Amino acid sequence: MDYTRNYFLLAAATLSALASALHLGCIVFGATWYRFFGAGERMARLAIAGSWYPAVVTSAIATVLAVWELYALSGAGVIPRLPLTRTALCIITAI
């Protein structure tokens, strides 16, 4: 067992991955998921209408969450160091 790993960052990476997957689920499963996860009635209606807007916005959010996951894994020592890991983790934490 590697005792140098930061388990708080591992938890953050896991939760970011889950949040990213749930956002992708909203794209796949549509208006019901948008409503359930609080995206608002407007997003649900746009999804029903077949608009590209909800999918693009949700994809962008899922991508940001996936990048946050990678930085958390990098900070935890699970994957190789990414550029500006410490700075990125500080900014992510501030957000």
PDB file of N, CA and C in Angstrom:
ATOM      1  N   MET A   1       0.842  -1.181   0.000  1.00  0.00           N
ATOM      2  CA  MET A   1       0.000   0.000   0.000  1.00  0.00           C
ATOM      3  C   MET A   1       0.887   1.244   0.000  1.00  0.00           C
ATOM      4  N   ASP A   2       0.568   2.190  -0.857  1.00  0.00           N
ATOM      5  CA  ASP A   2       1.357   3.407  -0.994  1.00  0.00           C
ATOM      6  C   ASP A   2       0.793   4.473  -0.055  1.00  0.00           C
ATOM      7  N   TYR A   3       1.530   4.808   0.983  1.00  0.00           N
ATOM      8  CA  TYR A   3       1.048   5.762   1.974  1.00  0.00           C
ATOM      9  C   TYR A   3       1.274   7.210   1.567  1.00  0.00           C
ATOM     10  N   THR A   4       1.833   7.445   0.390  1.00  0.00           N
ATOM     11  CA  THR A   4       2.055   8.812  -0.063  1.00  0.00           C
ATOM     12  C   THR A   4       0.862   9.353  -0.840  1.00  0.00           C
ATOM     13  N   ARG A   5      -0.124   8.543  -1.092  1.00  0.00           N
ATOM     14  CA  ARG A   5      -1.292   9.003  -1.849  1.00  0.00           C
ATOM     15  C   ARG A   5      -2.170   9.888  -0.965  1.00  0.00           C
ATOM     16  N   ASN A   6      -2.771  10.892  -1.572  1.00  0.00           N
ATOM     17  CA  ASN A   6      -3.671  11.787  -0.866  1.00  0.00           C
ATOM     18  C   ASN A   6      -5.095  11.283  -1.084  1.00  0.00           C
ATOM     19  N   TYR A   7      -5.677  10.729  -0.047  1.00  0.00           N
ATOM     20  CA  TYR A   7      -6.996  10.115  -0.195  1.00  0.00           C
ATOM     21  C   TYR A   7      -8.111  11.136  -0.370  1.00  0.00           C
ATOM     22  N   PHE A   8      -7.894  12.364   0.059  1.00  0.00           N
ATOM     23  CA  PHE A   8      -8.879  13.406  -0.210  1.00  0.00           C
ATOM     24  C   PHE A   8      -8.927  13.709  -1.712  1.00  0.00           C
ATOM     25  N   LEU A   9      -7.765  13.726  -2.352  1.00  0.00           N
ATOM     26  CA  LEU A   9      -7.738  13.942  -3.797  1.00  0.00           C
ATOM     27  C   LEU A   9      -8.317  12.748  -4.551  1.00  0.00           C
ATOM     28  N   LEU A  10      -8.106  11.550  -4.038  1.00  0.00           N
ATOM     29  CA  LEU A  10      -8.718  10.370  -4.661  1.00  0.00           C
ATOM     30  C   LEU A  10     -10.243  10.436  -4.550  1.00  0.00           C
ATOM     31  N   ALA A  11     -10.739  10.871  -3.407  1.00  0.00           N
ATOM     32  CA  ALA A  11     -12.190  11.036  -3.245  1.00  0.00           C
ATOM     33  C   ALA A  11     -12.712  12.115  -4.189  1.00  0.00           C
ATOM     34  N   ALA A  12     -11.973  13.217  -4.311  1.00  0.00           N
ATOM     35  CA  ALA A  12     -12.371  14.291  -5.217  1.00  0.00           C
ATOM     36  C   ALA A  12     -12.400  13.801  -6.660  1.00  0.00           C
ATOM     37  N   ALA A  13     -11.405  13.006  -7.042  1.00  0.00           N
ATOM     38  CA  ALA A  13     -11.363  12.466  -8.405  1.00  0.00           C
ATOM     39  C   ALA A  13     -12.555  11.547  -8.652  1.00  0.00           C
ATOM     40  N   THR A  14     -12.879  10.717  -7.672  1.00  0.00           N
ATOM     41  CA  THR A  14     -14.015   9.806  -7.814  1.00  0.00           C
ATOM     42  C   THR A  14     -15.319  10.576  -7.959  1.00  0.00           C
ATOM     43  N   LEU A  15     -15.505  11.582  -7.130  1.00  0.00           N
ATOM     44  CA  LEU A  15     -16.738  12.370  -7.199  1.00  0.00           C
ATOM     45  C   LEU A  15     -16.817  13.189  -8.490  1.00  0.00           C
ATOM     46  N   SER A  16     -15.694  13.701  -8.957  1.00  0.00           N
ATOM     47  CA  SER A  16     -15.689  14.425 -10.240  1.00  0.00           C
ATOM     48  C   SER A  16     -16.027  13.492 -11.391  1.00  0.00           C
ATOM     49  N   ALA A  17     -15.499  12.267 -11.346  1.00  0.00           N
ATOM     50  CA  ALA A  17     -15.815  11.283 -12.393  1.00  0.00           C
ATOM     51  C   ALA A  17     -17.293  10.938 -12.370  1.00  0.00           C
ATOM     52  N   LEU A  18     -17.848  10.783 -11.174  1.00  0.00           N
ATOM     53  CA  LEU A  18     -19.277  10.484 -11.057  1.00  0.00           C
ATOM     54  C   LEU A  18     -20.118  11.633 -11.593  1.00  0.00           C
ATOM     55  N   ALA A  19     -19.766  12.849 -11.228  1.00  0.00           N
ATOM     56  CA  ALA A  19     -20.508  14.013 -11.712  1.00  0.00           C
ATOM     57  C   ALA A  19     -20.412  14.136 -13.228  1.00  0.00           C
ATOM     58  N   SER A  20     -19.242  13.872 -13.780  1.00  0.00           N
ATOM     59  CA  SER A  20     -19.070  13.919 -15.229  1.00  0.00           C
ATOM     60  C   SER A  20     -19.940  12.864 -15.913  1.00  0.00           C
ATOM     61  N   ALA A  21     -19.954  11.658 -15.354  1.00  0.00           N
ATOM     62  CA  ALA A  21     -20.776  10.583 -15.927  1.00  0.00           C
ATOM     63  C   ALA A  21     -22.257  10.915 -15.846  1.00  0.00           C
ATOM     64  N   LEU A  22     -22.683  11.522 -14.751  1.00  0.00           N
ATOM     65  CA  LEU A  22     -24.101  11.897 -14.629  1.00  0.00           C
ATOM     66  C   LEU A  22     -24.471  12.979 -15.638  1.00  0.00           C
ATOM     67  N   HIS A  23     -23.564  13.886 -15.911  1.00  0.00           N
ATOM     68  CA  HIS A  23     -23.831  14.893 -16.941  1.00  0.00           C
ATOM     69  C   HIS A  23     -23.967  14.240 -18.313  1.00  0.00           C
ATOM     70  N   LEU A  24     -23.122  13.272 -18.594  1.00  0.00           N
ATOM     71  CA  LEU A  24     -23.260  12.554 -19.865  1.00  0.00           C
ATOM     72  C   LEU A  24     -24.576  11.786 -19.901  1.00  0.00           C
ATOM     73  N   GLY A  25     -25.001  11.273 -18.750  1.00  0.00           N
ATOM     74  CA  GLY A  25     -26.302  10.604 -18.666  1.00  0.00           C
ATOM     75  C   GLY A  25     -27.447  11.534 -19.020  1.00  0.00           C
ATOM     76  N   CYS A  26     -27.315  12.803 -18.644  1.00  0.00           N
ATOM     77  CA  CYS A  26     -28.351  13.772 -19.007  1.00  0.00           C
ATOM     78  C   CYS A  26     -28.475  13.904 -20.523  1.00  0.00           C
ATOM     79  N   ILE A  27     -27.340  13.883 -21.205  1.00  0.00           N
ATOM     80  CA  ILE A  27     -27.374  13.980 -22.664  1.00  0.00           C
ATOM     81  C   ILE A  27     -28.043  12.744 -23.252  1.00  0.00           C
ATOM     82  N   VAL A  28     -27.693  11.584 -22.730  1.00  0.00           N
ATOM     83  CA  VAL A  28     -28.212  10.330 -23.270  1.00  0.00           C
ATOM     84  C   VAL A  28     -29.694  10.146 -22.954  1.00  0.00           C
ATOM     85  N   PHE A  29     -30.085  10.423 -21.712  1.00  0.00           N
ATOM     86  CA  PHE A  29     -31.444  10.103 -21.281  1.00  0.00           C
ATOM     87  C   PHE A  29     -32.413  11.271 -21.357  1.00  0.00           C
ATOM     88  N   GLY A  30     -31.932  12.452 -21.658  1.00  0.00           N
ATOM     89  CA  GLY A  30     -32.793  13.556 -22.017  1.00  0.00           C
ATOM     90  C   GLY A  30     -33.458  14.329 -20.901  1.00  0.00           C
ATOM     91  N   ALA A  31     -34.629  14.845 -21.226  1.00  0.00           N
ATOM     92  CA  ALA A  31     -35.337  15.821 -20.404  1.00  0.00           C
ATOM     93  C   ALA A  31     -35.605  15.347 -18.981  1.00  0.00           C
ATOM     94  N   THR A  32     -35.926  14.087 -18.805  1.00  0.00           N
ATOM     95  CA  THR A  32     -36.202  13.575 -17.461  1.00  0.00           C
ATOM     96  C   THR A  32     -34.988  13.755 -16.564  1.00  0.00           C
ATOM     97  N   TRP A  33     -33.821  13.440 -17.073  1.00  0.00           N
ATOM     98  CA  TRP A  33     -32.596  13.594 -16.279  1.00  0.00           C
ATOM     99  C   TRP A  33     -32.258  15.067 -16.061  1.00  0.00           C
ATOM    100  N   TYR A  34     -32.453  15.901 -17.073  1.00  0.00           N
ATOM    101  CA  TYR A  34     -32.203  17.337 -16.899  1.00  0.00           C
ATOM    102  C   TYR A  34     -33.074  17.877 -15.769  1.00  0.00           C
ATOM    103  N   ARG A  35     -34.336  17.511 -15.760  1.00  0.00           N
ATOM    104  CA  ARG A  35     -35.238  17.958 -14.700  1.00  0.00           C
ATOM    105  C   ARG A  35     -34.807  17.416 -13.337  1.00  0.00           C
ATOM    106  N   PHE A  36     -34.512  16.121 -13.279  1.00  0.00           N
ATOM    107  CA  PHE A  36     -34.169  15.488 -12.006  1.00  0.00           C
ATOM    108  C   PHE A  36     -32.928  16.122 -11.385  1.00  0.00           C
ATOM    109  N   PHE A  37     -31.940  16.436 -12.209  1.00  0.00           N
ATOM    110  CA  PHE A  37     -30.700  16.988 -11.689  1.00  0.00           C
ATOM    111  C   PHE A  37     -30.702  18.514 -11.625  1.00  0.00           C
ATOM    112  N   GLY A  38     -31.839  19.135 -11.847  1.00  0.00           N
ATOM    113  CA  GLY A  38     -31.997  20.558 -11.600  1.00  0.00           C
ATOM    114  C   GLY A  38     -31.497  21.493 -12.683  1.00  0.00           C
ATOM    115  N   ALA A  39     -31.434  21.025 -13.900  1.00  0.00           N
ATOM    116  CA  ALA A  39     -30.961  21.890 -14.984  1.00  0.00           C
ATOM    117  C   ALA A  39     -31.999  22.932 -15.379  1.00  0.00           C
ATOM    118  N   GLY A  40     -33.232  22.719 -15.003  1.00  0.00           N
ATOM    119  CA  GLY A  40     -34.274  23.690 -15.309  1.00  0.00           C
ATOM    120  C   GLY A  40     -35.195  23.234 -16.425  1.00  0.00           C
ATOM    121  N   GLU A  41     -36.361  23.808 -16.405  1.00  0.00           N
ATOM    122  CA  GLU A  41     -37.386  23.441 -17.386  1.00  0.00           C
ATOM    123  C   GLU A  41     -36.981  23.861 -18.794  1.00  0.00           C
ATOM    124  N   ARG A  42     -36.290  24.989 -18.909  1.00  0.00           N
ATOM    125  CA  ARG A  42     -35.876  25.452 -20.244  1.00  0.00           C
ATOM    126  C   ARG A  42     -34.945  24.437 -20.910  1.00  0.00           C
ATOM    127  N   MET A  43     -33.971  23.929 -20.148  1.00  0.00           N
ATOM    128  CA  MET A  43     -33.058  22.927 -20.713  1.00  0.00           C
ATOM    129  C   MET A  43     -33.813  21.658 -21.075  1.00  0.00           C
ATOM    130  N   ALA A  44     -34.760  21.262 -20.239  1.00  0.00           N
ATOM    131  CA  ALA A  44     -35.543  20.062 -20.528  1.00  0.00           C
ATOM    132  C   ALA A  44     -36.358  20.249 -21.806  1.00  0.00           C
ATOM    133  N   ARG A  45     -36.965  21.402 -21.949  1.00  0.00           N
ATOM    134  CA  ARG A  45     -37.757  21.660 -23.164  1.00  0.00           C
ATOM    135  C   ARG A  45     -36.881  21.692 -24.411  1.00  0.00           C
ATOM    136  N   LEU A  46     -35.717  22.303 -24.291  1.00  0.00           N
ATOM    137  CA  LEU A  46     -34.803  22.340 -25.435  1.00  0.00           C
ATOM    138  C   LEU A  46     -34.339  20.933 -25.808  1.00  0.00           C
ATOM    139  N   ALA A  47     -34.109  20.095 -24.800  1.00  0.00           N
ATOM    140  CA  ALA A  47     -33.712  18.708 -25.077  1.00  0.00           C
ATOM    141  C   ALA A  47     -34.827  17.958 -25.788  1.00  0.00           C
ATOM    142  N   ILE A  48     -36.061  18.174 -25.352  1.00  0.00           N
ATOM    143  CA  ILE A  48     -37.210  17.531 -25.999  1.00  0.00           C
ATOM    144  C   ILE A  48     -37.335  17.995 -27.446  1.00  0.00           C
ATOM    145  N   ALA A  49     -37.070  19.281 -27.665  1.00  0.00           N
ATOM    146  CA  ALA A  49     -37.197  19.849 -29.013  1.00  0.00           C
ATOM    147  C   ALA A  49     -36.062  19.426 -29.940  1.00  0.00           C
ATOM    148  N   GLY A  50     -35.044  18.761 -29.379  1.00  0.00           N
ATOM    149  CA  GLY A  50     -33.941  18.308 -30.209  1.00  0.00           C
ATOM    150  C   GLY A  50     -32.877  19.366 -30.445  1.00  0.00           C
ATOM    151  N   SER A  51     -32.869  20.403 -29.627  1.00  0.00           N
ATOM    152  CA  SER A  51     -31.882  21.465 -29.771  1.00  0.00           C
ATOM    153  C   SER A  51     -30.489  20.946 -29.425  1.00  0.00           C
ATOM    154  N   TRP A  52     -29.478  21.519 -30.029  1.00  0.00           N
ATOM    155  CA  TRP A  52     -28.098  21.164 -29.763  1.00  0.00           C
ATOM    156  C   TRP A  52     -27.588  21.812 -28.486  1.00  0.00           C
ATOM    157  N   TYR A  53     -28.220  22.899 -28.049  1.00  0.00           N
ATOM    158  CA  TYR A  53     -27.738  23.691 -26.929  1.00  0.00           C
ATOM    159  C   TYR A  53     -27.551  22.892 -25.632  1.00  0.00           C
ATOM    160  N   PRO A  54     -28.545  22.130 -25.159  1.00  0.00           N
ATOM    161  CA  PRO A  54     -28.341  21.386 -23.902  1.00  0.00           C
ATOM    162  C   PRO A  54     -27.182  20.389 -23.978  1.00  0.00           C
ATOM    163  N   ALA A  55     -27.045  19.731 -25.099  1.00  0.00           N
ATOM    164  CA  ALA A  55     -25.966  18.750 -25.241  1.00  0.00           C
ATOM    165  C   ALA A  55     -24.600  19.414 -25.221  1.00  0.00           C
ATOM    166  N   VAL A  56     -24.456  20.554 -25.875  1.00  0.00           N
ATOM    167  CA  VAL A  56     -23.177  21.256 -25.919  1.00  0.00           C
ATOM    168  C   VAL A  56     -22.800  21.783 -24.533  1.00  0.00           C
ATOM    169  N   VAL A  57     -23.757  22.417 -23.858  1.00  0.00           N
ATOM    170  CA  VAL A  57     -23.492  22.963 -22.525  1.00  0.00           C
ATOM    171  C   VAL A  57     -23.148  21.835 -21.550  1.00  0.00           C
ATOM    172  N   THR A  58     -23.919  20.764 -21.598  1.00  0.00           N
ATOM    173  CA  THR A  58     -23.687  19.643 -20.694  1.00  0.00           C
ATOM    174  C   THR A  58     -22.373  18.936 -21.017  1.00  0.00           C
ATOM    175  N   SER A  59     -22.014  18.835 -22.279  1.00  0.00           N
ATOM    176  CA  SER A  59     -20.725  18.251 -22.667  1.00  0.00           C
ATOM    177  C   SER A  59     -19.565  19.090 -22.148  1.00  0.00           C
ATOM    178  N   ALA A  60     -19.706  20.406 -22.217  1.00  0.00           N
ATOM    179  CA  ALA A  60     -18.658  21.298 -21.719  1.00  0.00           C
ATOM    180  C   ALA A  60     -18.471  21.106 -20.213  1.00  0.00           C
ATOM    181  N   ILE A  61     -19.569  21.022 -19.489  1.00  0.00           N
ATOM    182  CA  ILE A  61     -19.484  20.813 -18.040  1.00  0.00           C
ATOM    183  C   ILE A  61     -18.845  19.452 -17.743  1.00  0.00           C
ATOM    184  N   ALA A  62     -19.260  18.420 -18.460  1.00  0.00           N
ATOM    185  CA  ALA A  62     -18.694  17.083 -18.256  1.00  0.00           C
ATOM    186  C   ALA A  62     -17.198  17.076 -18.556  1.00  0.00           C
ATOM    187  N   THR A  63     -16.777  17.814 -19.568  1.00  0.00           N
ATOM    188  CA  THR A  63     -15.360  17.887 -19.916  1.00  0.00           C
ATOM    189  C   THR A  63     -14.560  18.580 -18.810  1.00  0.00           C
ATOM    190  N   VAL A  64     -15.081  19.672 -18.294  1.00  0.00           N
ATOM    191  CA  VAL A  64     -14.407  20.378 -17.200  1.00  0.00           C
ATOM    192  C   VAL A  64     -14.276  19.461 -15.987  1.00  0.00           C
ATOM    193  N   LEU A  65     -15.335  18.750 -15.657  1.00  0.00           N
ATOM    194  CA  LEU A  65     -15.290  17.828 -14.516  1.00  0.00           C
ATOM    195  C   LEU A  65     -14.278  16.698 -14.749  1.00  0.00           C
ATOM    196  N   ALA A  66     -14.172  16.226 -15.976  1.00  0.00           N
ATOM    197  CA  ALA A  66     -13.197  15.176 -16.294  1.00  0.00           C
ATOM    198  C   ALA A  66     -11.766  15.708 -16.161  1.00  0.00           C
ATOM    199  N   VAL A  67     -11.532  16.946 -16.566  1.00  0.00           N
ATOM    200  CA  VAL A  67     -10.207  17.553 -16.406  1.00  0.00           C
ATOM    201  C   VAL A  67      -9.890  17.705 -14.918  1.00  0.00           C
ATOM    202  N   TRP A  68     -10.880  18.111 -14.131  1.00  0.00           N
ATOM    203  CA  TRP A  68     -10.683  18.212 -12.683  1.00  0.00           C
ATOM    204  C   TRP A  68     -10.330  16.849 -12.096  1.00  0.00           C
ATOM    205  N   GLU A  69     -10.980  15.817 -12.593  1.00  0.00           N
ATOM    206  CA  GLU A  69     -10.671  14.456 -12.138  1.00  0.00           C
ATOM    207  C   GLU A  69      -9.214  14.121 -12.428  1.00  0.00           C
ATOM    208  N   LEU A  70      -8.757  14.419 -13.631  1.00  0.00           N
ATOM    209  CA  LEU A  70      -7.369  14.128 -13.998  1.00  0.00           C
ATOM    210  C   LEU A  70      -6.380  14.881 -13.113  1.00  0.00           C
ATOM    211  N   TYR A  71      -6.673  16.140 -12.820  1.00  0.00           N
ATOM    212  CA  TYR A  71      -5.775  16.901 -11.955  1.00  0.00           C
ATOM    213  C   TYR A  71      -5.782  16.352 -10.532  1.00  0.00           C
ATOM    214  N   ALA A  72      -6.928  15.910 -10.047  1.00  0.00           N
ATOM    215  CA  ALA A  72      -6.979  15.303  -8.715  1.00  0.00           C
ATOM    216  C   ALA A  72      -6.168  14.013  -8.684  1.00  0.00           C
ATOM    217  N   LEU A  73      -6.289  13.208  -9.725  1.00  0.00           N
ATOM    218  CA  LEU A  73      -5.504  11.972  -9.800  1.00  0.00           C
ATOM    219  C   LEU A  73      -4.014  12.275  -9.892  1.00  0.00           C
ATOM    220  N   SER A  74      -3.674  13.316 -10.624  1.00  0.00           N
ATOM    221  CA  SER A  74      -2.282  13.717 -10.740  1.00  0.00           C
ATOM    222  C   SER A  74      -1.749  14.182  -9.392  1.00  0.00           C
ATOM    223  N   GLY A  75      -2.524  14.988  -8.697  1.00  0.00           N
ATOM    224  CA  GLY A  75      -2.103  15.468  -7.389  1.00  0.00           C
ATOM    225  C   GLY A  75      -1.987  14.352  -6.370  1.00  0.00           C
ATOM    226  N   ALA A  76      -2.816  13.321  -6.516  1.00  0.00           N
ATOM    227  CA  ALA A  76      -2.789  12.178  -5.602  1.00  0.00           C
ATOM    228  C   ALA A  76      -1.661  11.210  -5.928  1.00  0.00           C
ATOM    229  N   GLY A  77      -1.000  11.394  -7.054  1.00  0.00           N
ATOM    230  CA  GLY A  77       0.107  10.527  -7.425  1.00  0.00           C
ATOM    231  C   GLY A  77      -0.298   9.252  -8.134  1.00  0.00           C
ATOM    232  N   VAL A  78      -1.527   9.205  -8.623  1.00  0.00           N
ATOM    233  CA  VAL A  78      -2.012   8.012  -9.317  1.00  0.00           C
ATOM    234  C   VAL A  78      -1.565   8.006 -10.770  1.00  0.00           C
ATOM    235  N   ILE A  79      -1.557   9.176 -11.383  1.00  0.00           N
ATOM    236  CA  ILE A  79      -1.093   9.319 -12.758  1.00  0.00           C
ATOM    237  C   ILE A  79       0.088  10.285 -12.746  1.00  0.00           C
ATOM    238  N   PRO A  80       0.875  10.334 -13.823  1.00  0.00           N
ATOM    239  CA  PRO A  80       2.014  11.262 -13.859  1.00  0.00           C
ATOM    240  C   PRO A  80       1.580  12.712 -13.676  1.00  0.00           C
ATOM    241  N   ARG A  81       2.490  13.519 -13.186  1.00  0.00           N
ATOM    242  CA  ARG A  81       2.194  14.935 -12.942  1.00  0.00           C
ATOM    243  C   ARG A  81       1.770  15.633 -14.227  1.00  0.00           C
ATOM    244  N   LEU A  82       0.698  16.384 -14.129  1.00  0.00           N
ATOM    245  CA  LEU A  82       0.239  17.219 -15.227  1.00  0.00           C
ATOM    246  C   LEU A  82       0.844  18.610 -15.064  1.00  0.00           C
ATOM    247  N   PRO A  83       0.882  19.378 -16.146  1.00  0.00           N
ATOM    248  CA  PRO A  83       1.435  20.732 -16.042  1.00  0.00           C
ATOM    249  C   PRO A  83       0.648  21.577 -15.035  1.00  0.00           C
ATOM    250  N   LEU A  84       1.358  22.311 -14.230  1.00  0.00           N
ATOM    251  CA  LEU A  84       0.766  23.249 -13.266  1.00  0.00           C
ATOM    252  C   LEU A  84      -0.225  22.567 -12.311  1.00  0.00           C
ATOM    253  N   THR A  85       0.095  21.376 -11.871  1.00  0.00           N
ATOM    254  CA  THR A  85      -0.829  20.613 -11.019  1.00  0.00           C
ATOM    255  C   THR A  85      -1.194  21.385  -9.763  1.00  0.00           C
ATOM    256  N   ARG A  86      -0.219  21.898  -9.063  1.00  0.00           N
ATOM    257  CA  ARG A  86      -0.501  22.609  -7.804  1.00  0.00           C
ATOM    258  C   ARG A  86      -1.368  23.838  -8.050  1.00  0.00           C
ATOM    259  N   THR A  87      -1.034  24.616  -9.059  1.00  0.00           N
ATOM    260  CA  THR A  87      -1.818  25.817  -9.382  1.00  0.00           C
ATOM    261  C   THR A  87      -3.237  25.436  -9.782  1.00  0.00           C
ATOM    262  N   ALA A  88      -3.369  24.415 -10.626  1.00  0.00           N
ATOM    263  CA  ALA A  88      -4.692  23.985 -11.073  1.00  0.00           C
ATOM    264  C   ALA A  88      -5.530  23.505  -9.891  1.00  0.00           C
ATOM    265  N   LEU A  89      -4.938  22.743  -8.988  1.00  0.00           N
ATOM    266  CA  LEU A  89      -5.684  22.236  -7.826  1.00  0.00           C
ATOM    267  C   LEU A  89      -6.118  23.383  -6.925  1.00  0.00           C
ATOM    268  N   CYS A  90      -5.298  24.409  -6.776  1.00  0.00           N
ATOM    269  CA  CYS A  90      -5.693  25.562  -5.985  1.00  0.00           C
ATOM    270  C   CYS A  90      -6.871  26.300  -6.619  1.00  0.00           C
ATOM    271  N   ILE A  91      -6.821  26.468  -7.935  1.00  0.00           N
ATOM    272  CA  ILE A  91      -7.918  27.141  -8.640  1.00  0.00           C
ATOM    273  C   ILE A  91      -9.191  26.304  -8.576  1.00  0.00           C
ATOM    274  N   ILE A  92      -9.067  25.007  -8.786  1.00  0.00           N
ATOM    275  CA  ILE A  92     -10.228  24.110  -8.722  1.00  0.00           C
ATOM    276  C   ILE A  92     -10.849  24.161  -7.333  1.00  0.00           C
ATOM    277  N   THR A  93     -10.008  24.147  -6.307  1.00  0.00           N
ATOM    278  CA  THR A  93     -10.503  24.217  -4.939  1.00  0.00           C
ATOM    279  C   THR A  93     -11.221  25.543  -4.693  1.00  0.00           C
ATOM    280  N   ALA A  94     -10.695  26.617  -5.220  1.00  0.00           N
ATOM    281  CA  ALA A  94     -11.326  27.929  -5.043  1.00  0.00           C
ATOM    282  C   ALA A  94     -12.695  27.992  -5.720  1.00  0.00           C
ATOM    283  N   ILE A  95     -12.817  27.314  -6.838  1.00  0.00           N
ATOM    284  CA  ILE A  95     -14.094  27.297  -7.553  1.00  0.00           C
ATOM    285  C   ILE A  95     -15.093  26.502  -6.752  1.00  0.00           C
TER     286      ILE A  95
END
